[in-house]
Amino acid sequence: MALSLNGITQIAVTFLLFALTAVLEIVGCYLPWLWLRQGGSVWLLLPAAVCLALFAWLLTLHPDAAGRTYAIYGGIYIVVALLWLWWVDGIKPSGWDVTGAVIALIGVAIIALAPRA
């Protein structure tokens, strides 16, 4: 089955929405980590809470069942977490990291694009 331009656009928008969701979750957990592990300000908890609330809200915007949404999101989260590792933590992902991310994205594609009965 061929995808139309509209279908490809919808997939891209969904992917970007999941990526934004992952960034919000990571930031929402990273800020308390800065507070607890790096001696950051307790005020970091306020934007962390906002990020986590937005993260949860964004997950509700997907029309699929919650379990399927979480499964697809999990694969996207893996990729975003490895990008965070590289861009924020300054650690280049290994070949094993990249291979795992590719496998996760293949799983995401199978779950997200499978025909529904």
PDB file of N, CA and C in Angstrom:
ATOM      1  N   MET A   1       0.848  -1.168   0.000  1.00  0.00           N
ATOM      2  CA  MET A   1       0.000   0.000   0.000  1.00  0.00           C
ATOM      3  C   MET A   1       0.901   1.240   0.000  1.00  0.00           C
ATOM      4  N   ALA A   2       0.672   2.137  -0.917  1.00  0.00           N
ATOM      5  CA  ALA A   2       1.454   3.369  -1.030  1.00  0.00           C
ATOM      6  C   ALA A   2       0.893   4.424  -0.090  1.00  0.00           C
ATOM      7  N   LEU A   3       1.809   5.176   0.503  1.00  0.00           N
ATOM      8  CA  LEU A   3       1.392   6.271   1.381  1.00  0.00           C
ATOM      9  C   LEU A   3       1.229   7.539   0.565  1.00  0.00           C
ATOM     10  N   SER A   4       0.181   8.275   0.829  1.00  0.00           N
ATOM     11  CA  SER A   4      -0.023   9.565   0.188  1.00  0.00           C
ATOM     12  C   SER A   4       0.826  10.611   0.902  1.00  0.00           C
ATOM     13  N   LEU A   5       0.959  11.772   0.269  1.00  0.00           N
ATOM     14  CA  LEU A   5       1.684  12.875   0.894  1.00  0.00           C
ATOM     15  C   LEU A   5       1.033  13.251   2.216  1.00  0.00           C
ATOM     16  N   ASN A   6      -0.302  13.221   2.245  1.00  0.00           N
ATOM     17  CA  ASN A   6      -1.027  13.511   3.488  1.00  0.00           C
ATOM     18  C   ASN A   6      -0.697  12.477   4.557  1.00  0.00           C
ATOM     19  N   GLY A   7      -0.612  11.213   4.185  1.00  0.00           N
ATOM     20  CA  GLY A   7      -0.265  10.158   5.136  1.00  0.00           C
ATOM     21  C   GLY A   7       1.141  10.313   5.662  1.00  0.00           C
ATOM     22  N   ILE A   8       2.074  10.660   4.781  1.00  0.00           N
ATOM     23  CA  ILE A   8       3.461  10.875   5.202  1.00  0.00           C
ATOM     24  C   ILE A   8       3.541  12.081   6.130  1.00  0.00           C
ATOM     25  N   THR A   9       2.807  13.137   5.811  1.00  0.00           N
ATOM     26  CA  THR A   9       2.785  14.327   6.669  1.00  0.00           C
ATOM     27  C   THR A   9       2.227  13.985   8.042  1.00  0.00           C
ATOM     28  N   GLN A  10       1.171  13.197   8.084  1.00  0.00           N
ATOM     29  CA  GLN A  10       0.575  12.795   9.358  1.00  0.00           C
ATOM     30  C   GLN A  10       1.570  11.972  10.177  1.00  0.00           C
ATOM     31  N   ILE A  11       2.305  11.079   9.534  1.00  0.00           N
ATOM     32  CA  ILE A  11       3.316  10.282  10.234  1.00  0.00           C
ATOM     33  C   ILE A  11       4.416  11.189  10.779  1.00  0.00           C
ATOM     34  N   ALA A  12       4.863  12.161   9.983  1.00  0.00           N
ATOM     35  CA  ALA A  12       5.914  13.084  10.421  1.00  0.00           C
ATOM     36  C   ALA A  12       5.453  13.914  11.609  1.00  0.00           C
ATOM     37  N   VAL A  13       4.228  14.416  11.554  1.00  0.00           N
ATOM     38  CA  VAL A  13       3.694  15.220  12.657  1.00  0.00           C
ATOM     39  C   VAL A  13       3.572  14.360  13.919  1.00  0.00           C
ATOM     40  N   THR A  14       3.104  13.137  13.772  1.00  0.00           N
ATOM     41  CA  THR A  14       2.983  12.231  14.916  1.00  0.00           C
ATOM     42  C   THR A  14       4.358  11.943  15.514  1.00  0.00           C
ATOM     43  N   PHE A  15       5.343  11.679  14.665  1.00  0.00           N
ATOM     44  CA  PHE A  15       6.711  11.427  15.132  1.00  0.00           C
ATOM     45  C   PHE A  15       7.242  12.637  15.902  1.00  0.00           C
ATOM     46  N   LEU A  16       7.035  13.834  15.350  1.00  0.00           N
ATOM     47  CA  LEU A  16       7.508  15.053  16.025  1.00  0.00           C
ATOM     48  C   LEU A  16       6.792  15.276  17.353  1.00  0.00           C
ATOM     49  N   LEU A  17       5.506  14.951  17.399  1.00  0.00           N
ATOM     50  CA  LEU A  17       4.752  15.067  18.648  1.00  0.00           C
ATOM     51  C   LEU A  17       5.317  14.111  19.697  1.00  0.00           C
ATOM     52  N   PHE A  18       5.616  12.886  19.293  1.00  0.00           N
ATOM     53  CA  PHE A  18       6.233  11.938  20.223  1.00  0.00           C
ATOM     54  C   PHE A  18       7.619  12.425  20.654  1.00  0.00           C
ATOM     55  N   ALA A  19       8.392  12.989  19.723  1.00  0.00           N
ATOM     56  CA  ALA A  19       9.726  13.493  20.065  1.00  0.00           C
ATOM     57  C   ALA A  19       9.622  14.638  21.073  1.00  0.00           C
ATOM     58  N   LEU A  20       8.685  15.559  20.865  1.00  0.00           N
ATOM     59  CA  LEU A  20       8.470  16.649  21.817  1.00  0.00           C
ATOM     60  C   LEU A  20       8.059  16.095  23.173  1.00  0.00           C
ATOM     61  N   THR A  21       7.195  15.094  23.161  1.00  0.00           N
ATOM     62  CA  THR A  21       6.760  14.447  24.395  1.00  0.00           C
ATOM     63  C   THR A  21       7.958  13.867  25.140  1.00  0.00           C
ATOM     64  N   ALA A  22       8.861  13.225  24.408  1.00  0.00           N
ATOM     65  CA  ALA A  22      10.051  12.641  25.027  1.00  0.00           C
ATOM     66  C   ALA A  22      10.959  13.717  25.612  1.00  0.00           C
ATOM     67  N   VAL A  23      11.133  14.812  24.891  1.00  0.00           N
ATOM     68  CA  VAL A  23      11.967  15.908  25.408  1.00  0.00           C
ATOM     69  C   VAL A  23      11.383  16.441  26.713  1.00  0.00           C
ATOM     70  N   LEU A  24      10.071  16.622  26.743  1.00  0.00           N
ATOM     71  CA  LEU A  24       9.433  17.118  27.969  1.00  0.00           C
ATOM     72  C   LEU A  24       9.613  16.143  29.129  1.00  0.00           C
ATOM     73  N   GLU A  25       9.500  14.853  28.849  1.00  0.00           N
ATOM     74  CA  GLU A  25       9.702  13.874  29.922  1.00  0.00           C
ATOM     75  C   GLU A  25      11.145  13.903  30.413  1.00  0.00           C
ATOM     76  N   ILE A  26      12.081  13.954  29.492  1.00  0.00           N
ATOM     77  CA  ILE A  26      13.493  13.967  29.883  1.00  0.00           C
ATOM     78  C   ILE A  26      13.825  15.227  30.677  1.00  0.00           C
ATOM     79  N   VAL A  27      13.368  16.383  30.211  1.00  0.00           N
ATOM     80  CA  VAL A  27      13.622  17.631  30.945  1.00  0.00           C
ATOM     81  C   VAL A  27      12.952  17.575  32.317  1.00  0.00           C
ATOM     82  N   GLY A  28      11.732  17.043  32.365  1.00  0.00           N
ATOM     83  CA  GLY A  28      11.011  16.941  33.625  1.00  0.00           C
ATOM     84  C   GLY A  28      11.707  16.044  34.643  1.00  0.00           C
ATOM     85  N   CYS A  29      12.501  15.109  34.178  1.00  0.00           N
ATOM     86  CA  CYS A  29      13.271  14.244  35.076  1.00  0.00           C
ATOM     87  C   CYS A  29      14.696  14.752  35.276  1.00  0.00           C
ATOM     88  N   TYR A  30      15.230  15.446  34.291  1.00  0.00           N
ATOM     89  CA  TYR A  30      16.596  15.951  34.363  1.00  0.00           C
ATOM     90  C   TYR A  30      16.716  17.094  35.370  1.00  0.00           C
ATOM     91  N   LEU A  31      15.728  17.955  35.421  1.00  0.00           N
ATOM     92  CA  LEU A  31      15.802  19.091  36.344  1.00  0.00           C
ATOM     93  C   LEU A  31      15.846  18.646  37.816  1.00  0.00           C
ATOM     94  N   PRO A  32      15.011  17.697  38.252  1.00  0.00           N
ATOM     95  CA  PRO A  32      15.178  17.202  39.631  1.00  0.00           C
ATOM     96  C   PRO A  32      16.539  16.517  39.834  1.00  0.00           C
ATOM     97  N   TRP A  33      17.044  15.862  38.805  1.00  0.00           N
ATOM     98  CA  TRP A  33      18.361  15.248  38.881  1.00  0.00           C
ATOM     99  C   TRP A  33      19.420  16.322  39.135  1.00  0.00           C
ATOM    100  N   LEU A  34      19.289  17.452  38.430  1.00  0.00           N
ATOM    101  CA  LEU A  34      20.231  18.557  38.666  1.00  0.00           C
ATOM    102  C   LEU A  34      20.144  19.042  40.105  1.00  0.00           C
ATOM    103  N   TRP A  35      18.929  19.140  40.620  1.00  0.00           N
ATOM    104  CA  TRP A  35      18.721  19.587  41.992  1.00  0.00           C
ATOM    105  C   TRP A  35      19.327  18.590  42.991  1.00  0.00           C
ATOM    106  N   LEU A  36      19.033  17.306  42.795  1.00  0.00           N
ATOM    107  CA  LEU A  36      19.459  16.293  43.765  1.00  0.00           C
ATOM    108  C   LEU A  36      20.936  15.904  43.637  1.00  0.00           C
ATOM    109  N   ARG A  37      21.420  15.806  42.412  1.00  0.00           N
ATOM    110  CA  ARG A  37      22.786  15.300  42.199  1.00  0.00           C
ATOM    111  C   ARG A  37      23.826  16.382  41.987  1.00  0.00           C
ATOM    112  N   GLN A  38      23.414  17.534  41.497  1.00  0.00           N
ATOM    113  CA  GLN A  38      24.377  18.577  41.153  1.00  0.00           C
ATOM    114  C   GLN A  38      24.248  19.820  42.024  1.00  0.00           C
ATOM    115  N   GLY A  39      23.389  19.748  43.041  1.00  0.00           N
ATOM    116  CA  GLY A  39      23.235  20.885  43.943  1.00  0.00           C
ATOM    117  C   GLY A  39      22.520  22.073  43.321  1.00  0.00           C
ATOM    118  N   GLY A  40      21.651  21.803  42.363  1.00  0.00           N
ATOM    119  CA  GLY A  40      20.886  22.874  41.735  1.00  0.00           C
ATOM    120  C   GLY A  40      19.824  23.429  42.681  1.00  0.00           C
ATOM    121  N   SER A  41      19.196  24.477  42.267  1.00  0.00           N
ATOM    122  CA  SER A  41      18.158  25.134  43.057  1.00  0.00           C
ATOM    123  C   SER A  41      16.909  24.263  43.153  1.00  0.00           C
ATOM    124  N   VAL A  42      16.252  24.338  44.285  1.00  0.00           N
ATOM    125  CA  VAL A  42      14.983  23.639  44.462  1.00  0.00           C
ATOM    126  C   VAL A  42      13.935  24.182  43.491  1.00  0.00           C
ATOM    127  N   TRP A  43      14.135  25.388  43.020  1.00  0.00           N
ATOM    128  CA  TRP A  43      13.194  25.998  42.066  1.00  0.00           C
ATOM    129  C   TRP A  43      13.182  25.261  40.731  1.00  0.00           C
ATOM    130  N   LEU A  44      14.151  24.394  40.489  1.00  0.00           N
ATOM    131  CA  LEU A  44      14.139  23.573  39.275  1.00  0.00           C
ATOM    132  C   LEU A  44      12.940  22.627  39.259  1.00  0.00           C
ATOM    133  N   LEU A  45      12.380  22.363  40.431  1.00  0.00           N
ATOM    134  CA  LEU A  45      11.243  21.445  40.497  1.00  0.00           C
ATOM    135  C   LEU A  45       9.983  22.024  39.864  1.00  0.00           C
ATOM    136  N   LEU A  46       9.861  23.343  39.849  1.00  0.00           N
ATOM    137  CA  LEU A  46       8.671  23.962  39.257  1.00  0.00           C
ATOM    138  C   LEU A  46       8.604  23.731  37.743  1.00  0.00           C
ATOM    139  N   PRO A  47       9.649  24.099  36.974  1.00  0.00           N
ATOM    140  CA  PRO A  47       9.567  23.795  35.540  1.00  0.00           C
ATOM    141  C   PRO A  47       9.562  22.291  35.275  1.00  0.00           C
ATOM    142  N   ALA A  48      10.164  21.507  36.166  1.00  0.00           N
ATOM    143  CA  ALA A  48      10.123  20.051  35.996  1.00  0.00           C
ATOM    144  C   ALA A  48       8.683  19.553  36.061  1.00  0.00           C
ATOM    145  N   ALA A  49       7.929  20.047  37.024  1.00  0.00           N
ATOM    146  CA  ALA A  49       6.527  19.638  37.170  1.00  0.00           C
ATOM    147  C   ALA A  49       5.702  20.058  35.953  1.00  0.00           C
ATOM    148  N   VAL A  50       5.961  21.258  35.445  1.00  0.00           N
ATOM    149  CA  VAL A  50       5.245  21.724  34.251  1.00  0.00           C
ATOM    150  C   VAL A  50       5.570  20.819  33.065  1.00  0.00           C
ATOM    151  N   CYS A  51       6.852  20.488  32.897  1.00  0.00           N
ATOM    152  CA  CYS A  51       7.256  19.614  31.787  1.00  0.00           C
ATOM    153  C   CYS A  51       6.584  18.245  31.888  1.00  0.00           C
ATOM    154  N   LEU A  52       6.542  17.691  33.089  1.00  0.00           N
ATOM    155  CA  LEU A  52       5.933  16.374  33.251  1.00  0.00           C
ATOM    156  C   LEU A  52       4.425  16.413  33.043  1.00  0.00           C
ATOM    157  N   ALA A  53       3.782  17.510  33.441  1.00  0.00           N
ATOM    158  CA  ALA A  53       2.342  17.645  33.188  1.00  0.00           C
ATOM    159  C   ALA A  53       2.079  17.746  31.684  1.00  0.00           C
ATOM    160  N   LEU A  54       2.893  18.529  30.986  1.00  0.00           N
ATOM    161  CA  LEU A  54       2.739  18.645  29.524  1.00  0.00           C
ATOM    162  C   LEU A  54       3.023  17.314  28.835  1.00  0.00           C
ATOM    163  N   PHE A  55       4.028  16.611  29.314  1.00  0.00           N
ATOM    164  CA  PHE A  55       4.355  15.280  28.782  1.00  0.00           C
ATOM    165  C   PHE A  55       3.133  14.361  28.869  1.00  0.00           C
ATOM    166  N   ALA A  56       2.501  14.299  30.042  1.00  0.00           N
ATOM    167  CA  ALA A  56       1.341  13.434  30.221  1.00  0.00           C
ATOM    168  C   ALA A  56       0.179  13.879  29.333  1.00  0.00           C
ATOM    169  N   TRP A  57      -0.017  15.182  29.235  1.00  0.00           N
ATOM    170  CA  TRP A  57      -1.107  15.699  28.398  1.00  0.00           C
ATOM    171  C   TRP A  57      -0.876  15.358  26.927  1.00  0.00           C
ATOM    172  N   LEU A  58       0.361  15.534  26.443  1.00  0.00           N
ATOM    173  CA  LEU A  58       0.645  15.243  25.036  1.00  0.00           C
ATOM    174  C   LEU A  58       0.367  13.785  24.685  1.00  0.00           C
ATOM    175  N   LEU A  59       0.625  12.875  25.617  1.00  0.00           N
ATOM    176  CA  LEU A  59       0.348  11.466  25.344  1.00  0.00           C
ATOM    177  C   LEU A  59      -1.143  11.214  25.129  1.00  0.00           C
ATOM    178  N   THR A  60      -1.985  12.063  25.704  1.00  0.00           N
ATOM    179  CA  THR A  60      -3.434  11.864  25.544  1.00  0.00           C
ATOM    180  C   THR A  60      -3.937  12.327  24.183  1.00  0.00           C
ATOM    181  N   LEU A  61      -3.113  13.030  23.412  1.00  0.00           N
ATOM    182  CA  LEU A  61      -3.550  13.554  22.123  1.00  0.00           C
ATOM    183  C   LEU A  61      -3.557  12.503  21.007  1.00  0.00           C
ATOM    184  N   HIS A  62      -2.983  11.349  21.275  1.00  0.00           N
ATOM    185  CA  HIS A  62      -2.920  10.307  20.250  1.00  0.00           C
ATOM    186  C   HIS A  62      -4.200   9.481  20.276  1.00  0.00           C
ATOM    187  N   PRO A  63      -4.750   9.172  19.101  1.00  0.00           N
ATOM    188  CA  PRO A  63      -6.052   8.506  19.050  1.00  0.00           C
ATOM    189  C   PRO A  63      -6.006   7.011  19.367  1.00  0.00           C
ATOM    190  N   ASP A  64      -4.822   6.396  19.348  1.00  0.00           N
ATOM    191  CA  ASP A  64      -4.719   4.963  19.599  1.00  0.00           C
ATOM    192  C   ASP A  64      -4.965   4.634  21.065  1.00  0.00           C
ATOM    193  N   ALA A  65      -5.147   3.361  21.343  1.00  0.00           N
ATOM    194  CA  ALA A  65      -5.294   2.901  22.728  1.00  0.00           C
ATOM    195  C   ALA A  65      -4.024   3.249  23.505  1.00  0.00           C
ATOM    196  N   ALA A  66      -4.174   3.449  24.800  1.00  0.00           N
ATOM    197  CA  ALA A  66      -3.048   3.896  25.630  1.00  0.00           C
ATOM    198  C   ALA A  66      -1.849   2.962  25.534  1.00  0.00           C
ATOM    199  N   GLY A  67      -2.061   1.664  25.611  1.00  0.00           N
ATOM    200  CA  GLY A  67      -0.951   0.717  25.563  1.00  0.00           C
ATOM    201  C   GLY A  67      -0.163   0.805  24.266  1.00  0.00           C
ATOM    202  N   ARG A  68      -0.872   0.923  23.150  1.00  0.00           N
ATOM    203  CA  ARG A  68      -0.193   1.041  21.858  1.00  0.00           C
ATOM    204  C   ARG A  68       0.536   2.385  21.764  1.00  0.00           C
ATOM    205  N   THR A  69      -0.097   3.434  22.253  1.00  0.00           N
ATOM    206  CA  THR A  69       0.549   4.747  22.263  1.00  0.00           C
ATOM    207  C   THR A  69       1.840   4.694  23.060  1.00  0.00           C
ATOM    208  N   TYR A  70       1.808   4.063  24.248  1.00  0.00           N
ATOM    209  CA  TYR A  70       3.007   3.975  25.082  1.00  0.00           C
ATOM    210  C   TYR A  70       4.088   3.135  24.401  1.00  0.00           C
ATOM    211  N   ALA A  71       3.693   2.080  23.714  1.00  0.00           N
ATOM    212  CA  ALA A  71       4.664   1.228  23.030  1.00  0.00           C
ATOM    213  C   ALA A  71       5.376   2.010  21.917  1.00  0.00           C
ATOM    214  N   ILE A  72       4.611   2.737  21.133  1.00  0.00           N
ATOM    215  CA  ILE A  72       5.198   3.540  20.055  1.00  0.00           C
ATOM    216  C   ILE A  72       6.072   4.639  20.658  1.00  0.00           C
ATOM    217  N   TYR A  73       5.563   5.299  21.679  1.00  0.00           N
ATOM    218  CA  TYR A  73       6.311   6.363  22.343  1.00  0.00           C
ATOM    219  C   TYR A  73       7.637   5.838  22.889  1.00  0.00           C
ATOM    220  N   GLY A  74       7.627   4.641  23.449  1.00  0.00           N
ATOM    221  CA  GLY A  74       8.847   4.073  24.019  1.00  0.00           C
ATOM    222  C   GLY A  74       9.983   3.987  23.024  1.00  0.00           C
ATOM    223  N   GLY A  75       9.675   3.603  21.799  1.00  0.00           N
ATOM    224  CA  GLY A  75      10.704   3.530  20.768  1.00  0.00           C
ATOM    225  C   GLY A  75      11.243   4.902  20.402  1.00  0.00           C
ATOM    226  N   ILE A  76      10.359   5.869  20.288  1.00  0.00           N
ATOM    227  CA  ILE A  76      10.784   7.242  19.987  1.00  0.00           C
ATOM    228  C   ILE A  76      11.600   7.789  21.149  1.00  0.00           C
ATOM    229  N   TYR A  77      11.192   7.468  22.373  1.00  0.00           N
ATOM    230  CA  TYR A  77      11.908   7.920  23.563  1.00  0.00           C
ATOM    231  C   TYR A  77      13.362   7.437  23.536  1.00  0.00           C
ATOM    232  N   ILE A  78      13.583   6.211  23.120  1.00  0.00           N
ATOM    233  CA  ILE A  78      14.942   5.672  23.046  1.00  0.00           C
ATOM    234  C   ILE A  78      15.819   6.551  22.162  1.00  0.00           C
ATOM    235  N   VAL A  79      15.311   6.924  21.001  1.00  0.00           N
ATOM    236  CA  VAL A  79      16.080   7.761  20.074  1.00  0.00           C
ATOM    237  C   VAL A  79      16.353   9.131  20.691  1.00  0.00           C
ATOM    238  N   VAL A  80      15.327   9.747  21.262  1.00  0.00           N
ATOM    239  CA  VAL A  80      15.498  11.079  21.859  1.00  0.00           C
ATOM    240  C   VAL A  80      16.464  11.018  23.042  1.00  0.00           C
ATOM    241  N   ALA A  81      16.387   9.965  23.849  1.00  0.00           N
ATOM    242  CA  ALA A  81      17.304   9.835  24.988  1.00  0.00           C
ATOM    243  C   ALA A  81      18.749   9.719  24.515  1.00  0.00           C
ATOM    244  N   LEU A  82      18.976   9.019  23.417  1.00  0.00           N
ATOM    245  CA  LEU A  82      20.341   8.916  22.889  1.00  0.00           C
ATOM    246  C   LEU A  82      20.810  10.241  22.301  1.00  0.00           C
ATOM    247  N   LEU A  83      19.915  10.999  21.697  1.00  0.00           N
ATOM    248  CA  LEU A  83      20.273  12.337  21.233  1.00  0.00           C
ATOM    249  C   LEU A  83      20.605  13.235  22.421  1.00  0.00           C
ATOM    250  N   TRP A  84      19.840  13.099  23.505  1.00  0.00           N
ATOM    251  CA  TRP A  84      20.128  13.847  24.736  1.00  0.00           C
ATOM    252  C   TRP A  84      21.524  13.457  25.252  1.00  0.00           C
ATOM    253  N   LEU A  85      21.813  12.182  25.274  1.00  0.00           N
ATOM    254  CA  LEU A  85      23.125  11.699  25.705  1.00  0.00           C
ATOM    255  C   LEU A  85      24.237  12.408  24.938  1.00  0.00           C
ATOM    256  N   TRP A  86      24.028  12.561  23.643  1.00  0.00           N
ATOM    257  CA  TRP A  86      25.031  13.159  22.777  1.00  0.00           C
ATOM    258  C   TRP A  86      25.081  14.676  22.939  1.00  0.00           C
ATOM    259  N   TRP A  87      23.918  15.342  22.835  1.00  0.00           N
ATOM    260  CA  TRP A  87      23.891  16.808  22.790  1.00  0.00           C
ATOM    261  C   TRP A  87      23.991  17.459  24.159  1.00  0.00           C
ATOM    262  N   VAL A  88      23.424  16.848  25.189  1.00  0.00           N
ATOM    263  CA  VAL A  88      23.426  17.472  26.519  1.00  0.00           C
ATOM    264  C   VAL A  88      24.552  16.899  27.387  1.00  0.00           C
ATOM    265  N   ASP A  89      24.654  15.578  27.421  1.00  0.00           N
ATOM    266  CA  ASP A  89      25.677  14.952  28.255  1.00  0.00           C
ATOM    267  C   ASP A  89      27.055  14.951  27.591  1.00  0.00           C
ATOM    268  N   GLY A  90      27.087  15.209  26.274  1.00  0.00           N
ATOM    269  CA  GLY A  90      28.360  15.272  25.566  1.00  0.00           C
ATOM    270  C   GLY A  90      29.006  13.921  25.325  1.00  0.00           C
ATOM    271  N   ILE A  91      28.199  12.855  25.330  1.00  0.00           N
ATOM    272  CA  ILE A  91      28.706  11.504  25.099  1.00  0.00           C
ATOM    273  C   ILE A  91      28.141  10.997  23.775  1.00  0.00           C
ATOM    274  N   LYS A  92      29.033  10.704  22.853  1.00  0.00           N
ATOM    275  CA  LYS A  92      28.581  10.217  21.547  1.00  0.00           C
ATOM    276  C   LYS A  92      28.055   8.790  21.692  1.00  0.00           C
ATOM    277  N   PRO A  93      26.836   8.525  21.205  1.00  0.00           N
ATOM    278  CA  PRO A  93      26.302   7.162  21.279  1.00  0.00           C
ATOM    279  C   PRO A  93      27.204   6.182  20.527  1.00  0.00           C
ATOM    280  N   SER A  94      27.311   4.997  21.078  1.00  0.00           N
ATOM    281  CA  SER A  94      28.135   3.960  20.452  1.00  0.00           C
ATOM    282  C   SER A  94      27.381   3.331  19.278  1.00  0.00           C
ATOM    283  N   GLY A  95      28.076   2.522  18.552  1.00  0.00           N
ATOM    284  CA  GLY A  95      27.438   1.765  17.476  1.00  0.00           C
ATOM    285  C   GLY A  95      26.336   0.864  18.008  1.00  0.00           C
ATOM    286  N   TRP A  96      26.552   0.329  19.192  1.00  0.00           N
ATOM    287  CA  TRP A  96      25.525  -0.509  19.824  1.00  0.00           C
ATOM    288  C   TRP A  96      24.291   0.311  20.162  1.00  0.00           C
ATOM    289  N   ASP A  97      24.504   1.538  20.646  1.00  0.00           N
ATOM    290  CA  ASP A  97      23.381   2.430  20.931  1.00  0.00           C
ATOM    291  C   ASP A  97      22.572   2.694  19.671  1.00  0.00           C
ATOM    292  N   VAL A  98      23.272   3.025  18.598  1.00  0.00           N
ATOM    293  CA  VAL A  98      22.605   3.341  17.329  1.00  0.00           C
ATOM    294  C   VAL A  98      21.871   2.114  16.799  1.00  0.00           C
ATOM    295  N   THR A  99      22.511   0.951  16.886  1.00  0.00           N
ATOM    296  CA  THR A  99      21.860  -0.281  16.426  1.00  0.00           C
ATOM    297  C   THR A  99      20.585  -0.549  17.219  1.00  0.00           C
ATOM    298  N   GLY A 100      20.655  -0.390  18.529  1.00  0.00           N
ATOM    299  CA  GLY A 100      19.464  -0.581  19.364  1.00  0.00           C
ATOM    300  C   GLY A 100      18.360   0.394  19.010  1.00  0.00           C
ATOM    301  N   ALA A 101      18.736   1.655  18.735  1.00  0.00           N
ATOM    302  CA  ALA A 101      17.744   2.661  18.364  1.00  0.00           C
ATOM    303  C   ALA A 101      17.087   2.321  17.028  1.00  0.00           C
ATOM    304  N   VAL A 102      17.874   1.850  16.082  1.00  0.00           N
ATOM    305  CA  VAL A 102      17.317   1.467  14.778  1.00  0.00           C
ATOM    306  C   VAL A 102      16.340   0.302  14.954  1.00  0.00           C
ATOM    307  N   ILE A 103      16.729  -0.683  15.759  1.00  0.00           N
ATOM    308  CA  ILE A 103      15.830  -1.818  16.010  1.00  0.00           C
ATOM    309  C   ILE A 103      14.536  -1.333  16.669  1.00  0.00           C
ATOM    310  N   ALA A 104      14.667  -0.398  17.636  1.00  0.00           N
ATOM    311  CA  ALA A 104      13.476   0.149  18.295  1.00  0.00           C
ATOM    312  C   ALA A 104      12.578   0.857  17.288  1.00  0.00           C
ATOM    313  N   LEU A 105      13.181   1.615  16.368  1.00  0.00           N
ATOM    314  CA  LEU A 105      12.382   2.324  15.360  1.00  0.00           C
ATOM    315  C   LEU A 105      11.710   1.357  14.391  1.00  0.00           C
ATOM    316  N   ILE A 106      12.348   0.256  14.103  1.00  0.00           N
ATOM    317  CA  ILE A 106      11.695  -0.769  13.269  1.00  0.00           C
ATOM    318  C   ILE A 106      10.468  -1.296  14.011  1.00  0.00           C
ATOM    319  N   GLY A 107      10.615  -1.543  15.306  1.00  0.00           N
ATOM    320  CA  GLY A 107       9.469  -1.976  16.112  1.00  0.00           C
ATOM    321  C   GLY A 107       8.366  -0.946  16.138  1.00  0.00           C
ATOM    322  N   VAL A 108       8.748   0.323  16.263  1.00  0.00           N
ATOM    323  CA  VAL A 108       7.766   1.415  16.238  1.00  0.00           C
ATOM    324  C   VAL A 108       7.002   1.399  14.917  1.00  0.00           C
ATOM    325  N   ALA A 109       7.728   1.272  13.824  1.00  0.00           N
ATOM    326  CA  ALA A 109       7.082   1.271  12.504  1.00  0.00           C
ATOM    327  C   ALA A 109       6.111   0.112  12.362  1.00  0.00           C
ATOM    328  N   ILE A 110       6.525  -1.056  12.831  1.00  0.00           N
ATOM    329  CA  ILE A 110       5.636  -2.237  12.737  1.00  0.00           C
ATOM    330  C   ILE A 110       4.365  -1.998  13.548  1.00  0.00           C
ATOM    331  N   ILE A 111       4.515  -1.491  14.759  1.00  0.00           N
ATOM    332  CA  ILE A 111       3.348  -1.268  15.620  1.00  0.00           C
ATOM    333  C   ILE A 111       2.467  -0.134  15.066  1.00  0.00           C
ATOM    334  N   ALA A 112       3.088   0.966  14.670  1.00  0.00           N
ATOM    335  CA  ALA A 112       2.335   2.148  14.253  1.00  0.00           C
ATOM    336  C   ALA A 112       1.667   1.981  12.899  1.00  0.00           C
ATOM    337  N   LEU A 113       2.308   1.266  11.992  1.00  0.00           N
ATOM    338  CA  LEU A 113       1.795   1.199  10.622  1.00  0.00           C
ATOM    339  C   LEU A 113       1.015  -0.087  10.319  1.00  0.00           C
ATOM    340  N   ALA A 114       0.895  -0.970  11.287  1.00  0.00           N
ATOM    341  CA  ALA A 114       0.178  -2.222  11.060  1.00  0.00           C
ATOM    342  C   ALA A 114      -1.303  -1.935  10.772  1.00  0.00           C
ATOM    343  N   PRO A 115      -1.876  -2.693   9.849  1.00  0.00           N
ATOM    344  CA  PRO A 115      -3.315  -2.513   9.606  1.00  0.00           C
ATOM    345  C   PRO A 115      -4.116  -2.875  10.853  1.00  0.00           C
ATOM    346  N   ARG A 116      -5.159  -2.131  11.090  1.00  0.00           N
ATOM    347  CA  ARG A 116      -6.023  -2.368  12.254  1.00  0.00           C
ATOM    348  C   ARG A 116      -7.319  -3.027  11.790  1.00  0.00           C
ATOM    349  N   ALA A 117      -7.739  -4.022  12.542  1.00  0.00           N
ATOM    350  CA  ALA A 117      -8.983  -4.736  12.188  1.00  0.00           C
ATOM    351  C   ALA A 117     -10.185  -3.978  12.660  1.00  0.00           C
TER     352      ALA A 117
END
